PDB file of N, CA and C in Angstrom:
ATOM      1  N   MET A   1     -39.732-127.631 -22.941  1.00  0.00           N
ATOM      2  CA  MET A   1     -38.417-128.181 -23.196  1.00  0.00           C
ATOM      3  C   MET A   1     -37.843-127.524 -24.445  1.00  0.00           C
ATOM      4  N   LYS A   2     -36.624-127.057 -24.358  1.00  0.00           N
ATOM      5  CA  LYS A   2     -35.955-126.436 -25.492  1.00  0.00           C
ATOM      6  C   LYS A   2     -34.929-127.413 -26.052  1.00  0.00           C
ATOM      7  N   ILE A   3     -35.065-127.703 -27.357  1.00  0.00           N
ATOM      8  CA  ILE A   3     -34.217-128.684 -28.025  1.00  0.00           C
ATOM      9  C   ILE A   3     -33.368-127.992 -29.087  1.00  0.00           C
ATOM     10  N   CYS A   4     -32.101-128.382 -29.139  1.00  0.00           N
ATOM     11  CA  CYS A   4     -31.193-127.874 -30.163  1.00  0.00           C
ATOM     12  C   CYS A   4     -30.730-129.055 -31.006  1.00  0.00           C
ATOM     13  N   LEU A   5     -30.985-128.992 -32.298  1.00  0.00           N
ATOM     14  CA  LEU A   5     -30.527-130.008 -33.232  1.00  0.00           C
ATOM     15  C   LEU A   5     -29.321-129.458 -33.981  1.00  0.00           C
ATOM     16  N   ILE A   6     -28.189-130.083 -33.820  1.00  0.00           N
ATOM     17  CA  ILE A   6     -26.966-129.657 -34.507  1.00  0.00           C
ATOM     18  C   ILE A   6     -26.953-130.310 -35.883  1.00  0.00           C
ATOM     19  N   GLN A   7     -26.899-129.485 -36.923  1.00  0.00           N
ATOM     20  CA  GLN A   7     -26.863-130.012 -38.288  1.00  0.00           C
ATOM     21  C   GLN A   7     -25.755-129.299 -39.058  1.00  0.00           C
ATOM     22  N   PRO A   8     -24.529-129.815 -38.963  1.00  0.00           N
ATOM     23  CA  PRO A   8     -23.416-129.167 -39.650  1.00  0.00           C
ATOM     24  C   PRO A   8     -23.427-129.444 -41.147  1.00  0.00           C
ATOM     25  N   TYR A   9     -22.646-128.688 -41.853  1.00  0.00           N
ATOM     26  CA  TYR A   9     -22.437-128.914 -43.283  1.00  0.00           C
ATOM     27  C   TYR A   9     -21.858-130.306 -43.461  1.00  0.00           C
ATOM     28  N   TYR A  10     -22.336-131.040 -44.453  1.00  0.00           N
ATOM     29  CA  TYR A  10     -21.857-132.392 -44.749  1.00  0.00           C
ATOM     30  C   TYR A  10     -21.365-132.419 -46.179  1.00  0.00           C
ATOM     31  N   SER A  11     -20.180-132.952 -46.371  1.00  0.00           N
ATOM     32  CA  SER A  11     -19.567-132.968 -47.694  1.00  0.00           C
ATOM     33  C   SER A  11     -19.408-134.400 -48.196  1.00  0.00           C
ATOM     34  N   MET A  12     -19.364-134.534 -49.490  1.00  0.00           N
ATOM     35  CA  MET A  12     -19.100-135.823 -50.119  1.00  0.00           C
ATOM     36  C   MET A  12     -17.607-135.984 -50.415  1.00  0.00           C
ATOM     37  N   LYS A  13     -16.789-135.019 -49.962  1.00  0.00           N
ATOM     38  CA  LYS A  13     -15.350-135.053 -50.228  1.00  0.00           C
ATOM     39  C   LYS A  13     -14.576-135.212 -48.918  1.00  0.00           C
ATOM     40  N   GLU A  14     -13.720-136.210 -48.873  1.00  0.00           N
ATOM     41  CA  GLU A  14     -12.947-136.488 -47.667  1.00  0.00           C
ATOM     42  C   GLU A  14     -12.055-135.307 -47.275  1.00  0.00           C
ATOM     43  N   ASP A  15     -11.597-134.552 -48.252  1.00  0.00           N
ATOM     44  CA  ASP A  15     -10.733-133.400 -47.973  1.00  0.00           C
ATOM     45  C   ASP A  15     -11.424-132.322 -47.142  1.00  0.00           C
ATOM     46  N   ASP A  16     -12.739-132.348 -47.070  1.00  0.00           N
ATOM     47  CA  ASP A  16     -13.504-131.350 -46.314  1.00  0.00           C
ATOM     48  C   ASP A  16     -13.727-131.740 -44.858  1.00  0.00           C
ATOM     49  N   ALA A  17     -13.163-132.848 -44.424  1.00  0.00           N
ATOM     50  CA  ALA A  17     -13.462-133.374 -43.090  1.00  0.00           C
ATOM     51  C   ALA A  17     -13.174-132.370 -41.976  1.00  0.00           C
ATOM     52  N   ASP A  18     -12.003-131.765 -41.984  1.00  0.00           N
ATOM     53  CA  ASP A  18     -11.671-130.813 -40.919  1.00  0.00           C
ATOM     54  C   ASP A  18     -12.634-129.632 -40.904  1.00  0.00           C
ATOM     55  N   LEU A  19     -12.942-129.108 -42.068  1.00  0.00           N
ATOM     56  CA  LEU A  19     -13.875-127.985 -42.172  1.00  0.00           C
ATOM     57  C   LEU A  19     -15.252-128.368 -41.626  1.00  0.00           C
ATOM     58  N   CYS A  20     -15.749-129.513 -42.014  1.00  0.00           N
ATOM     59  CA  CYS A  20     -17.071-129.959 -41.556  1.00  0.00           C
ATOM     60  C   CYS A  20     -17.075-130.199 -40.054  1.00  0.00           C
ATOM     61  N   PHE A  21     -16.022-130.813 -39.543  1.00  0.00           N
ATOM     62  CA  PHE A  21     -15.938-131.089 -38.115  1.00  0.00           C
ATOM     63  C   PHE A  21     -15.870-129.787 -37.318  1.00  0.00           C
ATOM     64  N   GLN A  22     -15.061-128.846 -37.778  1.00  0.00           N
ATOM     65  CA  GLN A  22     -14.958-127.555 -37.093  1.00  0.00           C
ATOM     66  C   GLN A  22     -16.291-126.805 -37.106  1.00  0.00           C
ATOM     67  N   ASN A  23     -17.039-126.941 -38.194  1.00  0.00           N
ATOM     68  CA  ASN A  23     -18.357-126.321 -38.279  1.00  0.00           C
ATOM     69  C   ASN A  23     -19.280-126.890 -37.195  1.00  0.00           C
ATOM     70  N   MET A  24     -19.223-128.199 -36.982  1.00  0.00           N
ATOM     71  CA  MET A  24     -20.053-128.819 -35.959  1.00  0.00           C
ATOM     72  C   MET A  24     -19.637-128.343 -34.562  1.00  0.00           C
ATOM     73  N   LEU A  25     -18.338-128.272 -34.296  1.00  0.00           N
ATOM     74  CA  LEU A  25     -17.875-127.791 -32.995  1.00  0.00           C
ATOM     75  C   LEU A  25     -18.316-126.348 -32.754  1.00  0.00           C
ATOM     76  N   LYS A  26     -18.270-125.545 -33.797  1.00  0.00           N
ATOM     77  CA  LYS A  26     -18.716-124.148 -33.679  1.00  0.00           C
ATOM     78  C   LYS A  26     -20.191-124.082 -33.308  1.00  0.00           C
ATOM     79  N   GLN A  27     -21.004-124.918 -33.948  1.00  0.00           N
ATOM     80  CA  GLN A  27     -22.432-124.936 -33.615  1.00  0.00           C
ATOM     81  C   GLN A  27     -22.651-125.381 -32.169  1.00  0.00           C
ATOM     82  N   MET A  28     -21.854-126.320 -31.712  1.00  0.00           N
ATOM     83  CA  MET A  28     -21.960-126.757 -30.317  1.00  0.00           C
ATOM     84  C   MET A  28     -21.606-125.619 -29.364  1.00  0.00           C
ATOM     85  N   ASP A  29     -20.609-124.820 -29.722  1.00  0.00           N
ATOM     86  CA  ASP A  29     -20.211-123.679 -28.893  1.00  0.00           C
ATOM     87  C   ASP A  29     -21.312-122.627 -28.799  1.00  0.00           C
ATOM     88  N   GLU A  30     -22.211-122.601 -29.760  1.00  0.00           N
ATOM     89  CA  GLU A  30     -23.294-121.616 -29.770  1.00  0.00           C
ATOM     90  C   GLU A  30     -24.456-122.018 -28.866  1.00  0.00           C
ATOM     91  N   CYS A  31     -24.465-123.242 -28.381  1.00  0.00           N
ATOM     92  CA  CYS A  31     -25.514-123.669 -27.455  1.00  0.00           C
ATOM     93  C   CYS A  31     -25.333-122.940 -26.130  1.00  0.00           C
ATOM     94  N   ASP A  32     -26.442-122.717 -25.453  1.00  0.00           N
ATOM     95  CA  ASP A  32     -26.375-122.021 -24.176  1.00  0.00           C
ATOM     96  C   ASP A  32     -27.208-122.764 -23.127  1.00  0.00           C
ATOM     97  N   PRO A  33     -27.128-122.353 -21.873  1.00  0.00           N
ATOM     98  CA  PRO A  33     -27.829-123.053 -20.797  1.00  0.00           C
ATOM     99  C   PRO A  33     -29.361-123.056 -20.898  1.00  0.00           C
ATOM    100  N   SER A  34     -29.908-122.346 -21.864  1.00  0.00           N
ATOM    101  CA  SER A  34     -31.366-122.418 -22.041  1.00  0.00           C
ATOM    102  C   SER A  34     -31.782-123.732 -22.712  1.00  0.00           C
ATOM    103  N   MET A  35     -30.821-124.475 -23.258  1.00  0.00           N
ATOM    104  CA  MET A  35     -31.114-125.744 -23.936  1.00  0.00           C
ATOM    105  C   MET A  35     -31.330-126.845 -22.895  1.00  0.00           C
ATOM    106  N   ASP A  36     -32.335-127.676 -23.153  1.00  0.00           N
ATOM    107  CA  ASP A  36     -32.575-128.836 -22.293  1.00  0.00           C
ATOM    108  C   ASP A  36     -32.028-130.116 -22.925  1.00  0.00           C
ATOM    109  N   LEU A  37     -32.057-130.152 -24.248  1.00  0.00           N
ATOM    110  CA  LEU A  37     -31.645-131.331 -24.990  1.00  0.00           C
ATOM    111  C   LEU A  37     -30.877-130.886 -26.233  1.00  0.00           C
ATOM    112  N   ILE A  38     -29.705-131.465 -26.447  1.00  0.00           N
ATOM    113  CA  ILE A  38     -28.877-131.140 -27.604  1.00  0.00           C
ATOM    114  C   ILE A  38     -28.611-132.441 -28.346  1.00  0.00           C
ATOM    115  N   VAL A  39     -28.924-132.463 -29.646  1.00  0.00           N
ATOM    116  CA  VAL A  39     -28.811-133.678 -30.446  1.00  0.00           C
ATOM    117  C   VAL A  39     -27.823-133.448 -31.576  1.00  0.00           C
ATOM    118  N   LEU A  40     -26.817-134.315 -31.637  1.00  0.00           N
ATOM    119  CA  LEU A  40     -25.822-134.255 -32.711  1.00  0.00           C
ATOM    120  C   LEU A  40     -26.199-135.240 -33.816  1.00  0.00           C
ATOM    121  N   PRO A  41     -25.625-135.068 -35.006  1.00  0.00           N
ATOM    122  CA  PRO A  41     -25.972-135.953 -36.121  1.00  0.00           C
ATOM    123  C   PRO A  41     -25.383-137.358 -35.957  1.00  0.00           C
ATOM    124  N   GLU A  42     -25.919-138.273 -36.726  1.00  0.00           N
ATOM    125  CA  GLU A  42     -25.422-139.637 -36.752  1.00  0.00           C
ATOM    126  C   GLU A  42     -23.958-139.644 -37.183  1.00  0.00           C
ATOM    127  N   TYR A  43     -23.175-140.485 -36.541  1.00  0.00           N
ATOM    128  CA  TYR A  43     -21.738-140.581 -36.826  1.00  0.00           C
ATOM    129  C   TYR A  43     -21.084-139.200 -36.849  1.00  0.00           C
ATOM    130  N   CYS A  44     -21.239-138.481 -35.763  1.00  0.00           N
ATOM    131  CA  CYS A  44     -20.677-137.135 -35.706  1.00  0.00           C
ATOM    132  C   CYS A  44     -19.153-137.133 -35.690  1.00  0.00           C
ATOM    133  N   ASP A  45     -18.541-138.302 -35.558  1.00  0.00           N
ATOM    134  CA  ASP A  45     -17.083-138.374 -35.638  1.00  0.00           C
ATOM    135  C   ASP A  45     -16.599-138.776 -37.031  1.00  0.00           C
ATOM    136  N   VAL A  46     -17.513-138.884 -37.966  1.00  0.00           N
ATOM    137  CA  VAL A  46     -17.182-139.129 -39.378  1.00  0.00           C
ATOM    138  C   VAL A  46     -17.938-138.052 -40.160  1.00  0.00           C
ATOM    139  N   PRO A  47     -17.370-136.836 -40.237  1.00  0.00           N
ATOM    140  CA  PRO A  47     -18.111-135.671 -40.708  1.00  0.00           C
ATOM    141  C   PRO A  47     -18.292-135.554 -42.226  1.00  0.00           C
ATOM    142  N   VAL A  48     -17.779-136.507 -42.993  1.00  0.00           N
ATOM    143  CA  VAL A  48     -17.922-136.471 -44.457  1.00  0.00           C
ATOM    144  C   VAL A  48     -18.160-137.895 -44.963  1.00  0.00           C
ATOM    145  N   ASP A  49     -18.589-137.986 -46.208  1.00  0.00           N
ATOM    146  CA  ASP A  49     -18.733-139.283 -46.839  1.00  0.00           C
ATOM    147  C   ASP A  49     -17.342-139.873 -47.053  1.00  0.00           C
ATOM    148  N   VAL A  50     -17.183-141.143 -46.721  1.00  0.00           N
ATOM    149  CA  VAL A  50     -15.883-141.792 -46.890  1.00  0.00           C
ATOM    150  C   VAL A  50     -16.018-142.980 -47.832  1.00  0.00           C
ATOM    151  N   PRO A  51     -14.958-143.289 -48.593  1.00  0.00           N
ATOM    152  CA  PRO A  51     -15.047-144.312 -49.628  1.00  0.00           C
ATOM    153  C   PRO A  51     -14.932-145.753 -49.133  1.00  0.00           C
ATOM    154  N   ASN A  52     -14.374-145.941 -47.920  1.00  0.00           N
ATOM    155  CA  ASN A  52     -14.135-147.315 -47.477  1.00  0.00           C
ATOM    156  C   ASN A  52     -13.952-147.362 -45.954  1.00  0.00           C
ATOM    157  N   ALA A  53     -13.827-148.593 -45.433  1.00  0.00           N
ATOM    158  CA  ALA A  53     -13.695-148.793 -43.994  1.00  0.00           C
ATOM    159  C   ALA A  53     -12.410-148.177 -43.439  1.00  0.00           C
ATOM    160  N   ALA A  54     -11.343-148.211 -44.207  1.00  0.00           N
ATOM    161  CA  ALA A  54     -10.080-147.633 -43.738  1.00  0.00           C
ATOM    162  C   ALA A  54     -10.227-146.128 -43.509  1.00  0.00           C
ATOM    163  N   ALA A  55     -10.868-145.447 -44.423  1.00  0.00           N
ATOM    164  CA  ALA A  55     -11.101-144.005 -44.277  1.00  0.00           C
ATOM    165  C   ALA A  55     -12.027-143.730 -43.095  1.00  0.00           C
ATOM    166  N   PHE A  56     -13.052-144.556 -42.949  1.00  0.00           N
ATOM    167  CA  PHE A  56     -13.985-144.433 -41.826  1.00  0.00           C
ATOM    168  C   PHE A  56     -13.205-144.540 -40.509  1.00  0.00           C
ATOM    169  N   ASN A  57     -12.353-145.546 -40.397  1.00  0.00           N
ATOM    170  CA  ASN A  57     -11.592-145.749 -39.170  1.00  0.00           C
ATOM    171  C   ASN A  57     -10.604-144.616 -38.903  1.00  0.00           C
ATOM    172  N   ARG A  58     -10.042-144.040 -39.943  1.00  0.00           N
ATOM    173  CA  ARG A  58      -9.149-142.880 -39.769  1.00  0.00           C
ATOM    174  C   ARG A  58      -9.919-141.711 -39.152  1.00  0.00           C
ATOM    175  N   MET A  59     -11.145-141.494 -39.648  1.00  0.00           N
ATOM    176  CA  MET A  59     -11.969-140.406 -39.103  1.00  0.00           C
ATOM    177  C   MET A  59     -12.291-140.664 -37.632  1.00  0.00           C
ATOM    178  N   VAL A  60     -12.678-141.874 -37.324  1.00  0.00           N
ATOM    179  CA  VAL A  60     -13.005-142.220 -35.935  1.00  0.00           C
ATOM    180  C   VAL A  60     -11.795-141.988 -35.037  1.00  0.00           C
ATOM    181  N   ASP A  61     -10.631-142.461 -35.464  1.00  0.00           N
ATOM    182  CA  ASP A  61      -9.417-142.280 -34.663  1.00  0.00           C
ATOM    183  C   ASP A  61      -9.110-140.802 -34.439  1.00  0.00           C
ATOM    184  N   LYS A  62      -9.319-140.008 -35.448  1.00  0.00           N
ATOM    185  CA  LYS A  62      -8.985-138.581 -35.367  1.00  0.00           C
ATOM    186  C   LYS A  62     -10.008-137.772 -34.577  1.00  0.00           C
ATOM    187  N   TYR A  63     -11.297-138.012 -34.828  1.00  0.00           N
ATOM    188  CA  TYR A  63     -12.334-137.125 -34.289  1.00  0.00           C
ATOM    189  C   TYR A  63     -13.076-137.643 -33.064  1.00  0.00           C
ATOM    190  N   GLN A  64     -13.110-138.955 -32.849  1.00  0.00           N
ATOM    191  CA  GLN A  64     -13.906-139.478 -31.745  1.00  0.00           C
ATOM    192  C   GLN A  64     -13.456-138.959 -30.385  1.00  0.00           C
ATOM    193  N   PRO A  65     -12.165-138.961 -30.065  1.00  0.00           N
ATOM    194  CA  PRO A  65     -11.782-138.434 -28.746  1.00  0.00           C
ATOM    195  C   PRO A  65     -12.168-136.963 -28.567  1.00  0.00           C
ATOM    196  N   ILE A  66     -12.075-136.194 -29.624  1.00  0.00           N
ATOM    197  CA  ILE A  66     -12.414-134.766 -29.554  1.00  0.00           C
ATOM    198  C   ILE A  66     -13.908-134.584 -29.314  1.00  0.00           C
ATOM    199  N   ILE A  67     -14.726-135.296 -30.087  1.00  0.00           N
ATOM    200  CA  ILE A  67     -16.176-135.109 -29.953  1.00  0.00           C
ATOM    201  C   ILE A  67     -16.670-135.641 -28.616  1.00  0.00           C
ATOM    202  N   HIS A  68     -16.062-136.705 -28.141  1.00  0.00           N
ATOM    203  CA  HIS A  68     -16.449-137.235 -26.824  1.00  0.00           C
ATOM    204  C   HIS A  68     -16.229-136.182 -25.737  1.00  0.00           C
ATOM    205  N   GLU A  69     -15.033-135.608 -25.698  1.00  0.00           N
ATOM    206  CA  GLU A  69     -14.729-134.586 -24.689  1.00  0.00           C
ATOM    207  C   GLU A  69     -15.606-133.347 -24.863  1.00  0.00           C
ATOM    208  N   LYS A  70     -15.857-132.977 -26.119  1.00  0.00           N
ATOM    209  CA  LYS A  70     -16.696-131.805 -26.388  1.00  0.00           C
ATOM    210  C   LYS A  70     -18.119-132.031 -25.877  1.00  0.00           C
ATOM    211  N   CYS A  71     -18.633-133.237 -26.040  1.00  0.00           N
ATOM    212  CA  CYS A  71     -19.992-133.544 -25.561  1.00  0.00           C
ATOM    213  C   CYS A  71     -20.075-133.477 -24.039  1.00  0.00           C
ATOM    214  N   VAL A  72     -19.055-133.980 -23.373  1.00  0.00           N
ATOM    215  CA  VAL A  72     -19.020-133.908 -21.913  1.00  0.00           C
ATOM    216  C   VAL A  72     -19.008-132.448 -21.469  1.00  0.00           C
ATOM    217  N   GLU A  73     -18.136-131.665 -22.097  1.00  0.00           N
ATOM    218  CA  GLU A  73     -18.056-130.235 -21.766  1.00  0.00           C
ATOM    219  C   GLU A  73     -19.373-129.529 -22.050  1.00  0.00           C
ATOM    220  N   LEU A  74     -20.001-129.861 -23.172  1.00  0.00           N
ATOM    221  CA  LEU A  74     -21.273-129.234 -23.556  1.00  0.00           C
ATOM    222  C   LEU A  74     -22.373-129.547 -22.555  1.00  0.00           C
ATOM    223  N   ALA A  75     -22.478-130.795 -22.151  1.00  0.00           N
ATOM    224  CA  ALA A  75     -23.504-131.188 -21.180  1.00  0.00           C
ATOM    225  C   ALA A  75     -23.310-130.446 -19.859  1.00  0.00           C
ATOM    226  N   ARG A  76     -22.073-130.352 -19.424  1.00  0.00           N
ATOM    227  CA  ARG A  76     -21.792-129.645 -18.167  1.00  0.00           C
ATOM    228  C   ARG A  76     -22.060-128.148 -18.286  1.00  0.00           C
ATOM    229  N   ARG A  77     -21.581-127.569 -19.376  1.00  0.00           N
ATOM    230  CA  ARG A  77     -21.724-126.115 -19.557  1.00  0.00           C
ATOM    231  C   ARG A  77     -23.176-125.683 -19.672  1.00  0.00           C
ATOM    232  N   CYS A  78     -23.963-126.467 -20.402  1.00  0.00           N
ATOM    233  CA  CYS A  78     -25.363-126.099 -20.637  1.00  0.00           C
ATOM    234  C   CYS A  78     -26.332-126.762 -19.663  1.00  0.00           C
ATOM    235  N   HIS A  79     -25.844-127.650 -18.823  1.00  0.00           N
ATOM    236  CA  HIS A  79     -26.722-128.409 -17.925  1.00  0.00           C
ATOM    237  C   HIS A  79     -27.837-129.060 -18.725  1.00  0.00           C
ATOM    238  N   ALA A  80     -27.441-129.739 -19.811  1.00  0.00           N
ATOM    239  CA  ALA A  80     -28.401-130.329 -20.745  1.00  0.00           C
ATOM    240  C   ALA A  80     -28.051-131.786 -21.020  1.00  0.00           C
ATOM    241  N   LEU A  81     -29.050-132.514 -21.519  1.00  0.00           N
ATOM    242  CA  LEU A  81     -28.787-133.851 -22.043  1.00  0.00           C
ATOM    243  C   LEU A  81     -28.222-133.698 -23.433  1.00  0.00           C
ATOM    244  N   VAL A  82     -27.191-134.459 -23.738  1.00  0.00           N
ATOM    245  CA  VAL A  82     -26.573-134.422 -25.063  1.00  0.00           C
ATOM    246  C   VAL A  82     -26.637-135.829 -25.659  1.00  0.00           C
ATOM    247  N   PHE A  83     -27.260-135.929 -26.833  1.00  0.00           N
ATOM    248  CA  PHE A  83     -27.323-137.185 -27.561  1.00  0.00           C
ATOM    249  C   PHE A  83     -26.315-137.119 -28.692  1.00  0.00           C
ATOM    250  N   ALA A  84     -25.350-138.034 -28.667  1.00  0.00           N
ATOM    251  CA  ALA A  84     -24.315-138.059 -29.704  1.00  0.00           C
ATOM    252  C   ALA A  84     -24.155-139.484 -30.195  1.00  0.00           C
ATOM    253  N   ASN A  85     -24.231-139.662 -31.494  1.00  0.00           N
ATOM    254  CA  ASN A  85     -24.021-140.963 -32.102  1.00  0.00           C
ATOM    255  C   ASN A  85     -22.637-140.930 -32.745  1.00  0.00           C
ATOM    256  N   TYR A  86     -21.673-141.543 -32.055  1.00  0.00           N
ATOM    257  CA  TYR A  86     -20.338-141.627 -32.637  1.00  0.00           C
ATOM    258  C   TYR A  86     -19.800-143.036 -32.451  1.00  0.00           C
ATOM    259  N   ALA A  87     -18.857-143.374 -33.291  1.00  0.00           N
ATOM    260  CA  ALA A  87     -18.268-144.707 -33.241  1.00  0.00           C
ATOM    261  C   ALA A  87     -17.235-144.747 -32.124  1.00  0.00           C
ATOM    262  N   GLU A  88     -17.098-145.894 -31.512  1.00  0.00           N
ATOM    263  CA  GLU A  88     -16.088-146.080 -30.483  1.00  0.00           C
ATOM    264  C   GLU A  88     -15.513-147.467 -30.664  1.00  0.00           C
ATOM    265  N   LYS A  89     -14.202-147.545 -30.744  1.00  0.00           N
ATOM    266  CA  LYS A  89     -13.558-148.840 -30.932  1.00  0.00           C
ATOM    267  C   LYS A  89     -13.472-149.581 -29.618  1.00  0.00           C
TER     268      LYS A  89
END
């Protein structure tokens, strides 16, 4: 079994959210059909440290639909199981 663990850059600054999220998507694009299992990080729709619940919810609103669709596409493209821990309202 071939396993791919996605570990993107993680920042303590909210301003880095887009950069960190794009880094994770890029790593997902590098997966290929040789993978059997692909694992994303915890709260992959909150790609940076956030100061409060309002900021957390903004990240979820912005990134959750994107990461959900990306995971579906990734599983289909690679014919692999994809484990993603993201928030869903």
